[in-house]
Amino acid sequence: QPRAGPAQAPIRILQEARAEAAPKLRRHLSGDLDTIVLMALRKEPERRYASVNGLSEDIRRYLEGLPVAARPDTFGYRTGKFVRRHKAGVAAVALIVLALLAGLFATLWQARRAQRLFNDVRGLSKSVLFEIHDKIQFLEDSNEARELIAKRALEYLDRLAVDTAGDQSLQQELAEAYLKVGDVQGRPGFPSLGDRTSALSSYQKSLAIYQKLPGDDPAIRKQIAISLIRIGDVQQMLKSANSLASYEQALQTAESAPELCGREIALCHQRIGVMKARTGDLDGAKPHLRLAISMAESVAAKTNDGTAAWCEAQRDLSINLIKDGDVFLVSDDAKTALAQYRRALGISRQIAGCYPAQIYQRELAISFDKVGNGLAALDNAQGALDEYREALRIRQPLAAANQKSVDHQRDVSISHDKIGGLLAEAGKTAEAIEAYQAALDIDTKLSLTDQNDNQTKSDRANSLSKLGELRLKLGNSTAALDDFRQAFALLTEVGAKDDRDVTAKRDLAAAAIA
């Protein structure tokens, strides 16, 4: 094969240039222009342009950057054409979109950060209210710290309740927290600040939240029953006529979830029995109290000695026996009442060492006190006095260690009152006046702590009436009259709260006669 001569070099260079340019040309022609030419050259007439005007129009559209009829009209094709025609505008919009996306990302990041912070604060608040409070609630002189915890927790809860109405799990936590705050403020029978009115408000907030949660959940129904029992307990201390209705509603709720509410059902029967007895319905009270005792015995039999559950079950049984004994005592069956009281005392002795000591030591003192009541009703004055003094011996150090506890202070007042009564009957008037005055000093202080606490007002009126009787015997009629007038005013105020309370009516009548 002959070698290429000089004349062939330009041809070779041209061929190489064409080879290099061909891909660029193909890319350029593969677009709309290539499609227009191919459509104009198609063999089938029906697939070609119908007229020269159609071809001309497509060329014009090509030159202006518009979509051409020769290409399929897809979304991507039309979008590409639009972007090429409006590069500046599309670029500006793209920048705006990117800025918005960046802002959205930053907002979401901040939101996640805020949520993490919220969860941290939520967890800290829960820890302070439930863990730290529970650790200090039985410490001596801890009421100021507990009061601060309750105050701060309540401020936080009230704000949170407004902002998180749609979060079910958080709402449940809020309801539980309001219940705890109410306990701190004034739960009867437990260490508290003695603020019954504030406690009632917190319990009602707890109930309102629980009632908005799914009612088919047995655990929620149990919490509703507990809230109603707490409300009834405070209403009972405030001498409200609504307490019995609260207990009956609690019982109905608890019975709808019996698998979880055994203890609550027993508590409701006990409370209903007490309230019926207070309104004079002794026959209506007895079945409820018998059922409460039976249920408490059943629960106690299923627990192991020394465990927290055993202590609690035995305490429930002891309290139920005392309430039952009270009904027998009012029914003039002092022997049966004393038997129930002594059985309760035996149980209280067994659990006196349970934790927390304040709770179980207080129940032991109450049991001594009740046995004294039974002995006094059977005319065993000296035996009763011994029991009352034993109760006072237990109560005084508890009150000294819990000076802001309404219940512990009131317990001491009750002991002084009972001792004063026996001393008065024994003709020891000076000693009796001293005991009644000690009770009155405590009652007066407590009645000023919460203006709505009608129990402390009743106690104060009782002490005033008894002091008035003794002063009248000593010939001090002016001081006696002043005592009677104060007592009558207080009992009139208390009696207006519940016109079904026969005890209040009886005390009012006695004050009026005096």
Protein backbone atom coordinates (compact mmCIF):
# COMPACT_ATOMS: atom_id res chain seq x y z
CA GLN A 1 0.00 0.00 0.00
CA PRO A 2 1.46 3.33 -1.07
CA ARG A 3 2.33 5.82 1.62
CA ALA A 4 0.26 9.01 1.87
CA GLY A 5 1.76 11.83 -0.04
CA PRO A 6 1.85 15.51 0.76
CA ALA A 7 -1.34 16.13 -1.22
CA GLN A 8 -3.33 13.91 1.11
CA ALA A 9 -2.43 15.75 4.35
CA PRO A 10 -5.11 18.50 4.12
CA ILE A 11 -7.76 15.90 3.50
CA ARG A 12 -6.69 13.97 6.57
CA ILE A 13 -6.73 17.13 8.73
CA LEU A 14 -10.25 17.97 7.46
CA GLN A 15 -11.45 14.47 8.27
CA GLU A 16 -10.03 14.67 11.78
CA ALA A 17 -11.66 18.08 12.37
CA ARG A 18 -14.99 16.74 11.17
CA ALA A 19 -14.61 13.73 13.47
CA GLU A 20 -13.99 16.00 16.43
CA ALA A 21 -16.87 18.35 15.54
CA ALA A 22 -19.38 15.60 14.80
CA PRO A 23 -20.33 14.88 18.45
CA LYS A 24 -20.86 18.58 19.13
CA LEU A 25 -22.93 18.87 15.98
CA ARG A 26 -25.00 15.83 16.86
CA ARG A 27 -25.66 17.23 20.32
CA HIS A 28 -26.74 20.52 18.82
CA LEU A 29 -28.93 18.92 16.18
CA SER A 30 -30.46 16.33 18.54
CA GLY A 31 -32.60 19.06 20.00
CA ASP A 32 -35.67 20.78 18.60
CA LEU A 33 -34.07 21.74 15.25
CA ASP A 34 -33.18 18.16 14.46
CA THR A 35 -36.73 17.09 15.38
CA ILE A 36 -38.23 19.77 13.11
CA VAL A 37 -36.10 18.66 10.13
CA LEU A 38 -36.89 14.98 10.69
CA MET A 39 -40.61 15.73 10.90
CA ALA A 40 -40.48 17.74 7.64
CA LEU A 41 -38.70 14.84 5.84
CA ARG A 42 -40.96 11.98 6.98
CA LYS A 43 -42.23 9.77 4.18
CA GLU A 44 -45.77 9.53 5.52
CA PRO A 45 -47.72 12.69 4.60
CA GLU A 46 -49.91 12.48 7.68
CA ARG A 47 -46.79 12.59 9.90
CA ARG A 48 -45.27 15.63 8.14
CA TYR A 49 -46.22 19.25 8.73
CA ALA A 50 -49.63 19.88 7.24
CA SER A 51 -48.45 23.12 5.64
CA VAL A 52 -45.51 25.44 5.20
CA ASN A 53 -47.06 27.63 7.88
CA GLY A 54 -46.80 24.78 10.39
CA LEU A 55 -43.11 24.34 9.60
CA SER A 56 -42.56 28.10 9.75
CA GLU A 57 -44.33 28.35 13.10
CA ASP A 58 -42.19 25.60 14.63
CA ILE A 59 -39.00 27.28 13.39
CA ARG A 60 -40.16 30.57 14.89
CA ARG A 61 -40.93 28.88 18.21
CA TYR A 62 -37.52 27.21 18.15
CA LEU A 63 -35.78 30.53 17.60
CA GLU A 64 -37.77 32.12 20.46
CA GLY A 65 -37.03 29.24 22.84
CA LEU A 66 -40.64 28.05 22.98
CA PRO A 67 -41.81 24.41 22.89
CA VAL A 68 -42.22 23.11 19.29
CA ALA A 69 -45.05 20.97 17.94
CA ALA A 70 -42.60 18.37 16.60
CA ARG A 71 -41.62 17.27 20.14
CA PRO A 72 -43.90 15.37 22.57
CA ASP A 73 -45.48 17.82 25.00
CA THR A 74 -44.15 16.48 28.32
CA PHE A 75 -43.91 18.30 31.66
CA GLY A 76 -40.12 17.97 31.75
CA TYR A 77 -39.74 19.32 28.18
CA ARG A 78 -41.93 22.37 28.81
CA THR A 79 -40.22 23.02 32.15
CA GLY A 80 -36.78 22.90 30.56
CA LYS A 81 -37.87 25.38 27.89
CA PHE A 82 -39.30 27.70 30.52
CA VAL A 83 -36.11 27.59 32.61
CA ARG A 84 -33.90 28.38 29.58
CA ARG A 85 -36.12 31.34 28.63
CA HIS A 86 -36.19 32.75 32.19
CA LYS A 87 -32.79 31.89 33.62
CA ALA A 88 -32.49 35.02 35.75
CA GLY A 89 -35.95 34.72 37.23
CA VAL A 90 -35.64 31.02 37.89
CA ALA A 91 -32.27 31.57 39.54
CA ALA A 92 -33.80 34.24 41.79
CA VAL A 93 -36.69 31.97 42.75
CA ALA A 94 -34.25 29.14 43.40
CA LEU A 95 -32.28 31.36 45.74
CA ILE A 96 -35.48 32.32 47.58
CA VAL A 97 -36.50 28.66 47.89
CA LEU A 98 -33.04 27.77 49.19
CA ALA A 99 -33.28 30.60 51.71
CA LEU A 100 -36.71 29.37 52.82
CA LEU A 101 -35.44 25.80 53.12
CA ALA A 102 -32.48 27.01 55.14
CA GLY A 103 -34.84 28.97 57.40
CA LEU A 104 -37.14 25.98 57.76
CA PHE A 105 -34.20 23.76 58.64
CA ALA A 106 -33.02 26.28 61.24
CA THR A 107 -36.56 26.54 62.65
CA LEU A 108 -36.91 22.76 62.88
CA TRP A 109 -33.52 22.53 64.56
CA GLN A 110 -34.52 25.20 67.05
CA ALA A 111 -37.85 23.44 67.61
CA ARG A 112 -36.09 20.14 68.32
CA ARG A 113 -33.72 21.93 70.65
CA ALA A 114 -36.66 23.61 72.42
CA GLN A 115 -38.42 20.24 72.71
CA ARG A 116 -35.31 18.69 74.26
CA LEU A 117 -35.09 21.60 76.69
CA PHE A 118 -38.81 21.27 77.47
CA ASN A 119 -38.39 17.55 78.15
CA ASP A 120 -35.42 18.27 80.41
CA VAL A 121 -37.41 20.85 82.40
CA ARG A 122 -40.40 18.51 82.50
CA GLY A 123 -38.23 15.70 83.86
CA LEU A 124 -36.59 17.97 86.43
CA SER A 125 -39.95 19.27 87.66
CA LYS A 126 -41.27 15.74 87.96
CA SER A 127 -38.17 14.68 89.86
CA VAL A 128 -38.46 17.60 92.30
CA LEU A 129 -42.17 17.07 92.95
CA PHE A 130 -42.23 13.29 93.19
CA GLU A 131 -38.75 12.08 94.10
CA ILE A 132 -37.20 14.87 96.14
CA HIS A 133 -40.46 15.78 97.90
CA ASP A 134 -41.17 12.16 98.80
CA LYS A 135 -37.70 11.89 100.34
CA ILE A 136 -38.20 14.88 102.64
CA GLN A 137 -41.91 14.75 103.46
CA PHE A 138 -41.41 12.80 106.69
CA LEU A 139 -38.36 14.73 107.88
CA GLU A 140 -38.78 16.96 110.92
CA ASP A 141 -39.53 20.64 110.18
CA SER A 142 -39.60 19.99 106.43
CA ASN A 143 -42.85 21.86 105.84
CA GLU A 144 -41.20 25.07 104.68
CA ALA A 145 -39.20 23.20 102.04
CA ARG A 146 -42.29 21.24 101.00
CA GLU A 147 -44.29 24.45 100.84
CA LEU A 148 -41.72 25.97 98.48
CA ILE A 149 -41.75 22.84 96.32
CA ALA A 150 -45.54 22.90 96.15
CA LYS A 151 -45.62 26.61 95.31
CA ARG A 152 -43.08 26.38 92.50
CA ALA A 153 -44.60 23.19 91.15
CA LEU A 154 -48.06 24.74 91.11
CA GLU A 155 -46.82 27.81 89.19
CA TYR A 156 -45.18 25.56 86.60
CA LEU A 157 -48.20 23.25 86.35
CA ASP A 158 -50.68 26.08 85.84
CA ARG A 159 -48.62 27.45 82.92
CA LEU A 160 -48.06 24.02 81.45
CA ALA A 161 -51.75 23.11 81.63
CA VAL A 162 -52.59 26.02 79.31
CA ASP A 163 -49.89 25.32 76.72
CA THR A 164 -50.14 21.53 76.36
CA ALA A 165 -53.83 20.69 76.24
CA GLY A 166 -53.42 18.27 73.32
CA ASP A 167 -50.63 16.09 74.76
CA GLN A 168 -52.37 13.14 76.45
CA SER A 169 -49.31 11.73 78.21
CA LEU A 170 -48.39 15.15 79.53
CA GLN A 171 -51.96 15.78 80.65
CA GLN A 172 -51.82 12.55 82.64
CA GLU A 173 -48.58 13.69 84.28
CA LEU A 174 -50.19 17.04 85.09
CA ALA A 175 -53.17 15.38 86.75
CA GLU A 176 -50.87 13.20 88.84
CA ALA A 177 -48.80 16.24 89.77
CA TYR A 178 -51.84 18.26 90.87
CA LEU A 179 -52.84 15.31 93.06
CA LYS A 180 -49.39 15.34 94.66
CA VAL A 181 -49.48 19.11 95.17
CA GLY A 182 -52.87 18.74 96.86
CA ASP A 183 -51.36 16.15 99.22
CA VAL A 184 -48.61 18.58 100.16
CA GLN A 185 -51.08 21.41 100.69
CA GLY A 186 -53.56 19.67 102.94
CA ARG A 187 -54.27 15.94 102.68
CA PRO A 188 -56.08 14.91 105.88
CA GLY A 189 -54.30 12.29 107.96
CA PHE A 190 -50.89 12.81 106.33
CA PRO A 191 -48.07 15.34 106.79
CA SER A 192 -49.23 18.50 105.01
CA LEU A 193 -49.29 22.27 105.22
CA GLY A 194 -52.87 22.22 106.50
CA ASP A 195 -54.18 24.40 103.68
CA ARG A 196 -57.38 22.46 102.98
CA THR A 197 -58.86 25.06 100.63
CA SER A 198 -55.83 25.07 98.33
CA ALA A 199 -55.67 21.28 98.50
CA LEU A 200 -59.29 21.04 97.37
CA SER A 201 -58.53 23.31 94.40
CA SER A 202 -55.56 21.17 93.34
CA TYR A 203 -57.54 17.93 93.70
CA GLN A 204 -60.33 19.39 91.58
CA LYS A 205 -57.83 20.36 88.88
CA SER A 206 -56.47 16.82 88.93
CA LEU A 207 -59.97 15.38 88.60
CA ALA A 208 -60.90 17.73 85.73
CA ILE A 209 -57.85 16.62 83.72
CA TYR A 210 -58.36 12.91 84.41
CA GLN A 211 -62.00 13.13 83.35
CA LYS A 212 -60.94 14.40 79.91
CA LEU A 213 -58.64 11.42 79.32
CA PRO A 214 -59.89 8.15 77.70
CA GLY A 215 -62.51 6.69 80.04
CA ASP A 216 -62.02 3.12 78.81
CA ASP A 217 -58.62 2.89 80.53
CA PRO A 218 -58.99 1.18 83.95
CA ALA A 219 -55.86 2.96 85.20
CA ILE A 220 -57.45 6.33 84.45
CA ARG A 221 -60.66 5.29 86.22
CA LYS A 222 -58.60 4.36 89.27
CA GLN A 223 -56.99 7.79 89.31
CA ILE A 224 -60.40 9.43 88.97
CA ALA A 225 -61.60 7.45 92.00
CA ILE A 226 -58.51 8.47 94.01
CA SER A 227 -59.04 12.13 93.11
CA LEU A 228 -62.67 11.94 94.19
CA ILE A 229 -61.72 10.30 97.50
CA ARG A 230 -59.18 13.05 98.17
CA ILE A 231 -61.80 15.68 97.33
CA GLY A 232 -64.29 14.03 99.69
CA ASP A 233 -61.71 13.86 102.49
CA VAL A 234 -61.00 17.59 102.26
CA GLN A 235 -64.69 18.44 101.91
CA GLN A 236 -65.32 16.42 105.07
CA MET A 237 -62.75 18.50 106.95
CA LEU A 238 -64.29 21.68 105.55
CA LYS A 239 -67.73 20.45 106.64
CA SER A 240 -69.01 20.54 103.09
CA ALA A 241 -72.32 18.87 102.27
CA ASN A 242 -70.78 17.55 99.05
CA SER A 243 -68.41 15.04 100.65
CA LEU A 244 -70.87 12.12 100.63
CA ALA A 245 -71.64 12.69 96.94
CA SER A 246 -67.92 12.71 96.16
CA TYR A 247 -67.44 9.36 97.93
CA GLU A 248 -70.44 7.81 96.19
CA GLN A 249 -69.15 8.96 92.81
CA ALA A 250 -65.72 7.60 93.68
CA LEU A 251 -67.25 4.22 94.59
CA GLN A 252 -69.16 4.03 91.32
CA THR A 253 -65.97 4.82 89.39
CA ALA A 254 -63.82 2.37 91.34
CA GLU A 255 -66.34 -0.45 90.89
CA SER A 256 -66.05 -0.01 87.12
CA ALA A 257 -62.40 -1.14 87.38
CA PRO A 258 -62.46 -3.69 90.24
CA GLU A 259 -59.27 -5.42 89.08
CA LEU A 260 -57.26 -2.30 89.95
CA CYS A 261 -59.39 -0.59 92.58
CA GLY A 262 -59.83 -3.08 95.42
CA ARG A 263 -58.35 -0.75 98.03
CA GLU A 264 -60.21 2.26 96.65
CA ILE A 265 -63.53 0.40 96.82
CA ALA A 266 -62.89 -0.47 100.47
CA LEU A 267 -61.93 3.14 101.26
CA CYS A 268 -65.11 4.41 99.63
CA HIS A 269 -67.30 2.08 101.69
CA GLN A 270 -65.52 3.23 104.84
CA ARG A 271 -65.93 6.93 103.97
CA ILE A 272 -69.58 6.51 102.99
CA GLY A 273 -70.26 4.67 106.26
CA VAL A 274 -68.66 7.49 108.26
CA MET A 275 -70.63 10.18 106.45
CA LYS A 276 -73.93 8.34 106.83
CA ALA A 277 -73.25 7.97 110.56
CA ARG A 278 -72.45 11.66 110.78
CA THR A 279 -75.82 12.51 109.27
CA GLY A 280 -77.59 10.20 111.71
CA ASP A 281 -78.18 7.28 109.32
CA LEU A 282 -76.60 4.59 111.51
CA ASP A 283 -78.45 1.72 109.85
CA GLY A 284 -77.21 2.92 106.47
CA ALA A 285 -73.65 3.30 107.78
CA LYS A 286 -73.19 -0.20 109.20
CA PRO A 287 -73.30 -2.27 105.96
CA HIS A 288 -70.70 -0.04 104.36
CA LEU A 289 -68.36 -0.29 107.34
CA ARG A 290 -68.78 -4.08 107.59
CA LEU A 291 -67.93 -4.43 103.91
CA ALA A 292 -64.89 -2.16 104.32
CA ILE A 293 -63.62 -4.33 107.20
CA SER A 294 -64.18 -7.54 105.24
CA MET A 295 -62.32 -6.21 102.20
CA ALA A 296 -59.44 -4.90 104.34
CA GLU A 297 -59.14 -8.29 106.07
CA SER A 298 -58.98 -10.00 102.70
CA VAL A 299 -56.24 -7.70 101.44
CA ALA A 300 -54.26 -7.99 104.68
CA ALA A 301 -54.41 -11.80 104.50
CA LYS A 302 -52.72 -11.73 101.07
CA THR A 303 -49.69 -9.69 102.20
CA ASN A 304 -46.47 -10.78 103.89
CA ASP A 305 -45.60 -9.57 107.38
CA GLY A 306 -43.24 -6.62 107.49
CA THR A 307 -43.65 -5.50 103.89
CA ALA A 308 -44.85 -2.01 102.98
CA ALA A 309 -48.01 -3.55 101.51
CA TRP A 310 -48.66 -5.44 104.74
CA CYS A 311 -48.21 -2.29 106.82
CA GLU A 312 -50.62 -0.36 104.62
CA ALA A 313 -53.22 -3.15 104.59
CA GLN A 314 -53.07 -3.52 108.38
CA ARG A 315 -53.40 0.24 108.80
CA ASP A 316 -56.50 0.25 106.59
CA LEU A 317 -58.00 -2.55 108.67
CA SER A 318 -57.26 -0.73 111.93
CA ILE A 319 -58.90 2.46 110.69
CA ASN A 320 -61.97 0.56 109.48
CA LEU A 321 -62.33 -1.11 112.88
CA ILE A 322 -62.15 2.27 114.60
CA LYS A 323 -64.80 3.77 112.32
CA ASP A 324 -67.02 0.77 112.98
CA GLY A 325 -66.46 1.14 116.71
CA ASP A 326 -67.51 4.79 116.47
CA VAL A 327 -70.88 3.77 115.04
CA PHE A 328 -71.42 1.25 117.85
CA LEU A 329 -70.48 3.89 120.42
CA VAL A 330 -73.01 6.36 118.99
CA SER A 331 -75.56 3.51 119.00
CA ASP A 332 -74.99 3.09 122.77
CA ASP A 333 -73.28 -0.27 122.35
CA ALA A 334 -70.08 0.66 124.19
CA LYS A 335 -68.98 -2.95 124.76
CA THR A 336 -68.92 -3.79 121.06
CA ALA A 337 -67.30 -0.43 120.34
CA LEU A 338 -64.55 -1.13 122.90
CA ALA A 339 -63.95 -4.57 121.40
CA GLN A 340 -63.44 -3.04 117.96
CA TYR A 341 -61.18 -0.34 119.40
CA ARG A 342 -59.04 -2.88 121.24
CA ARG A 343 -58.71 -4.99 118.13
CA ALA A 344 -57.57 -1.86 116.27
CA LEU A 345 -55.08 -1.08 119.04
CA GLY A 346 -53.61 -4.56 118.77
CA ILE A 347 -53.05 -4.07 115.05
CA SER A 348 -51.62 -0.57 115.58
CA ARG A 349 -49.09 -1.96 118.07
CA GLN A 350 -47.97 -4.52 115.46
CA ILE A 351 -47.37 -1.90 112.78
CA ALA A 352 -46.04 0.89 115.02
CA GLY A 353 -42.52 0.33 113.69
CA CYS A 354 -43.48 0.60 110.02
CA TYR A 355 -42.15 3.40 107.85
CA PRO A 356 -42.94 6.25 107.84
CA ALA A 357 -43.01 6.34 111.63
CA GLN A 358 -45.10 9.53 111.76
CA ILE A 359 -48.03 7.81 110.07
CA TYR A 360 -48.00 4.62 112.11
CA GLN A 361 -47.20 6.27 115.44
CA ARG A 362 -50.13 8.62 114.85
CA GLU A 363 -52.45 5.66 114.24
CA LEU A 364 -51.21 4.06 117.46
CA ALA A 365 -52.09 7.21 119.40
CA ILE A 366 -55.54 7.30 117.80
CA SER A 367 -56.12 3.70 118.85
CA PHE A 368 -55.22 4.50 122.48
CA ASP A 369 -57.55 7.47 122.27
CA LYS A 370 -60.44 5.36 120.98
CA VAL A 371 -59.97 2.69 123.64
CA GLY A 372 -60.18 5.53 126.15
CA ASN A 373 -63.50 6.57 124.60
CA GLY A 374 -64.86 3.06 125.03
CA LEU A 375 -63.72 2.85 128.66
CA ALA A 376 -65.17 6.27 129.42
CA ALA A 377 -68.52 5.21 127.97
CA LEU A 378 -68.43 2.22 130.33
CA ASP A 379 -67.73 4.54 133.30
CA ASN A 380 -64.12 3.41 133.70
CA ALA A 381 -62.79 6.94 134.14
CA GLN A 382 -59.36 6.04 135.43
CA GLY A 383 -58.80 3.49 132.66
CA ALA A 384 -59.89 6.05 130.10
CA LEU A 385 -57.59 8.71 131.57
CA ASP A 386 -54.63 6.33 131.34
CA GLU A 387 -55.36 5.65 127.67
CA TYR A 388 -55.77 9.36 126.90
CA ARG A 389 -52.48 10.19 128.56
CA GLU A 390 -50.74 7.43 126.64
CA ALA A 391 -52.09 8.92 123.42
CA LEU A 392 -50.85 12.39 124.49
CA ARG A 393 -47.42 10.95 125.30
CA ILE A 394 -47.11 9.78 121.68
CA ARG A 395 -48.64 12.87 120.14
CA GLN A 396 -46.60 15.61 121.78
CA PRO A 397 -43.21 14.72 120.25
CA LEU A 398 -44.87 14.21 116.86
CA ALA A 399 -46.42 17.68 117.08
CA ALA A 400 -43.13 19.20 118.24
CA ALA A 401 -41.38 17.74 115.22
CA ASN A 402 -44.15 18.90 112.86
CA GLN A 403 -45.21 22.28 114.17
CA LYS A 404 -46.90 23.30 110.91
CA SER A 405 -48.84 20.06 110.56
CA VAL A 406 -52.53 20.71 111.25
CA ASP A 407 -53.24 17.04 111.95
CA HIS A 408 -50.44 16.56 114.49
CA GLN A 409 -51.29 19.79 116.29
CA ARG A 410 -54.99 18.95 116.32
CA ASP A 411 -54.24 15.51 117.76
CA VAL A 412 -52.63 17.16 120.80
CA SER A 413 -55.66 19.42 121.19
CA ILE A 414 -57.95 16.37 121.16
CA SER A 415 -55.92 14.71 123.90
CA HIS A 416 -56.05 17.82 126.10
CA ASP A 417 -59.81 18.04 125.51
CA LYS A 418 -60.45 14.44 126.52
CA ILE A 419 -58.22 14.65 129.58
CA GLY A 420 -59.93 17.90 130.55
CA GLY A 421 -63.32 16.23 130.34
CA LEU A 422 -62.38 13.43 132.73
CA LEU A 423 -60.72 15.86 135.13
CA ALA A 424 -63.85 18.00 135.12
CA GLU A 425 -66.03 14.98 135.90
CA ALA A 426 -63.67 14.11 138.76
CA GLY A 427 -64.17 17.60 140.21
CA LYS A 428 -60.63 18.74 139.43
CA THR A 429 -61.81 22.02 137.94
CA ALA A 430 -58.52 23.92 137.94
CA GLU A 431 -56.68 21.08 136.19
CA ALA A 432 -59.57 20.69 133.75
CA ILE A 433 -59.48 24.42 132.88
CA GLU A 434 -55.76 24.14 132.27
CA ALA A 435 -56.29 21.21 129.90
CA TYR A 436 -59.14 22.95 128.03
CA GLN A 437 -57.12 26.15 127.73
CA ALA A 438 -54.22 24.18 126.22
CA ALA A 439 -56.66 22.72 123.70
CA LEU A 440 -58.17 26.15 122.95
CA ASP A 441 -54.76 27.72 122.32
CA ILE A 442 -54.06 25.11 119.66
CA ASP A 443 -57.56 25.31 118.17
CA THR A 444 -57.40 29.10 117.88
CA LYS A 445 -54.06 28.98 116.10
CA LEU A 446 -55.26 26.31 113.69
CA SER A 447 -58.57 28.03 112.93
CA LEU A 448 -56.64 31.09 111.78
CA THR A 449 -54.43 29.05 109.43
CA ASP A 450 -57.26 28.31 107.01
CA GLN A 451 -60.41 30.40 107.37
CA ASN A 452 -62.41 27.76 105.46
CA ASP A 453 -61.38 24.83 107.66
CA ASN A 454 -64.59 24.25 109.61
CA GLN A 455 -63.19 21.30 111.54
CA THR A 456 -60.78 23.55 113.42
CA LYS A 457 -63.61 26.04 113.97
CA SER A 458 -65.72 23.26 115.49
CA ASP A 459 -62.82 22.26 117.72
CA ARG A 460 -62.37 25.85 118.86
CA ALA A 461 -66.08 26.22 119.61
CA ASN A 462 -66.00 22.97 121.61
CA SER A 463 -63.10 24.14 123.76
CA LEU A 464 -64.77 27.52 124.34
CA SER A 465 -68.04 25.87 125.41
CA LYS A 466 -66.31 23.60 127.91
CA LEU A 467 -64.25 26.42 129.32
CA GLY A 468 -67.42 28.48 129.64
CA GLU A 469 -69.12 25.72 131.64
CA LEU A 470 -66.23 25.45 134.08
CA ARG A 471 -65.91 29.22 134.47
CA LEU A 472 -69.64 29.41 135.13
CA LYS A 473 -69.23 26.85 137.92
CA LEU A 474 -66.52 29.00 139.41
CA GLY A 475 -68.86 32.00 139.32
CA ASN A 476 -67.09 33.85 136.53
CA SER A 477 -70.26 34.46 134.50
CA THR A 478 -68.85 37.33 132.40
CA ALA A 479 -65.98 35.23 131.05
CA ALA A 480 -68.33 32.24 130.62
CA LEU A 481 -70.83 34.31 128.62
CA ASP A 482 -68.07 35.54 126.33
CA ASP A 483 -66.93 31.94 125.75
CA PHE A 484 -70.47 30.81 124.94
CA ARG A 485 -71.07 33.67 122.51
CA GLN A 486 -67.87 32.95 120.62
CA ALA A 487 -68.72 29.26 120.48
CA PHE A 488 -72.25 29.93 119.24
CA ALA A 489 -70.99 32.22 116.45
CA LEU A 490 -68.47 29.65 115.29
CA LEU A 491 -70.96 26.77 115.34
CA THR A 492 -73.55 28.83 113.48
CA GLU A 493 -70.98 29.41 110.74
CA VAL A 494 -70.04 25.73 110.64
CA GLY A 495 -73.63 24.50 110.67
CA ALA A 496 -74.45 26.59 107.61
CA LYS A 497 -72.02 24.50 105.58
CA ASP A 498 -73.97 21.25 105.93
CA ASP A 499 -77.49 21.25 107.37
CA ARG A 500 -77.43 17.42 107.48
CA ASP A 501 -74.55 17.25 109.98
CA VAL A 502 -76.28 16.13 113.18
CA THR A 503 -73.09 16.56 115.20
CA ALA A 504 -72.88 20.23 114.26
CA LYS A 505 -76.58 20.70 115.06
CA ARG A 506 -76.18 19.03 118.44
CA ASP A 507 -73.18 21.21 119.33
CA LEU A 508 -75.02 24.33 118.19
CA ALA A 509 -78.04 23.47 120.32
CA ALA A 510 -75.84 22.85 123.35
CA ALA A 511 -74.10 26.20 122.84
CA ALA A 512 -77.45 27.96 122.51
CA ILE A 513 -78.75 26.39 125.74
CA ALA A 514 -75.58 27.29 127.57
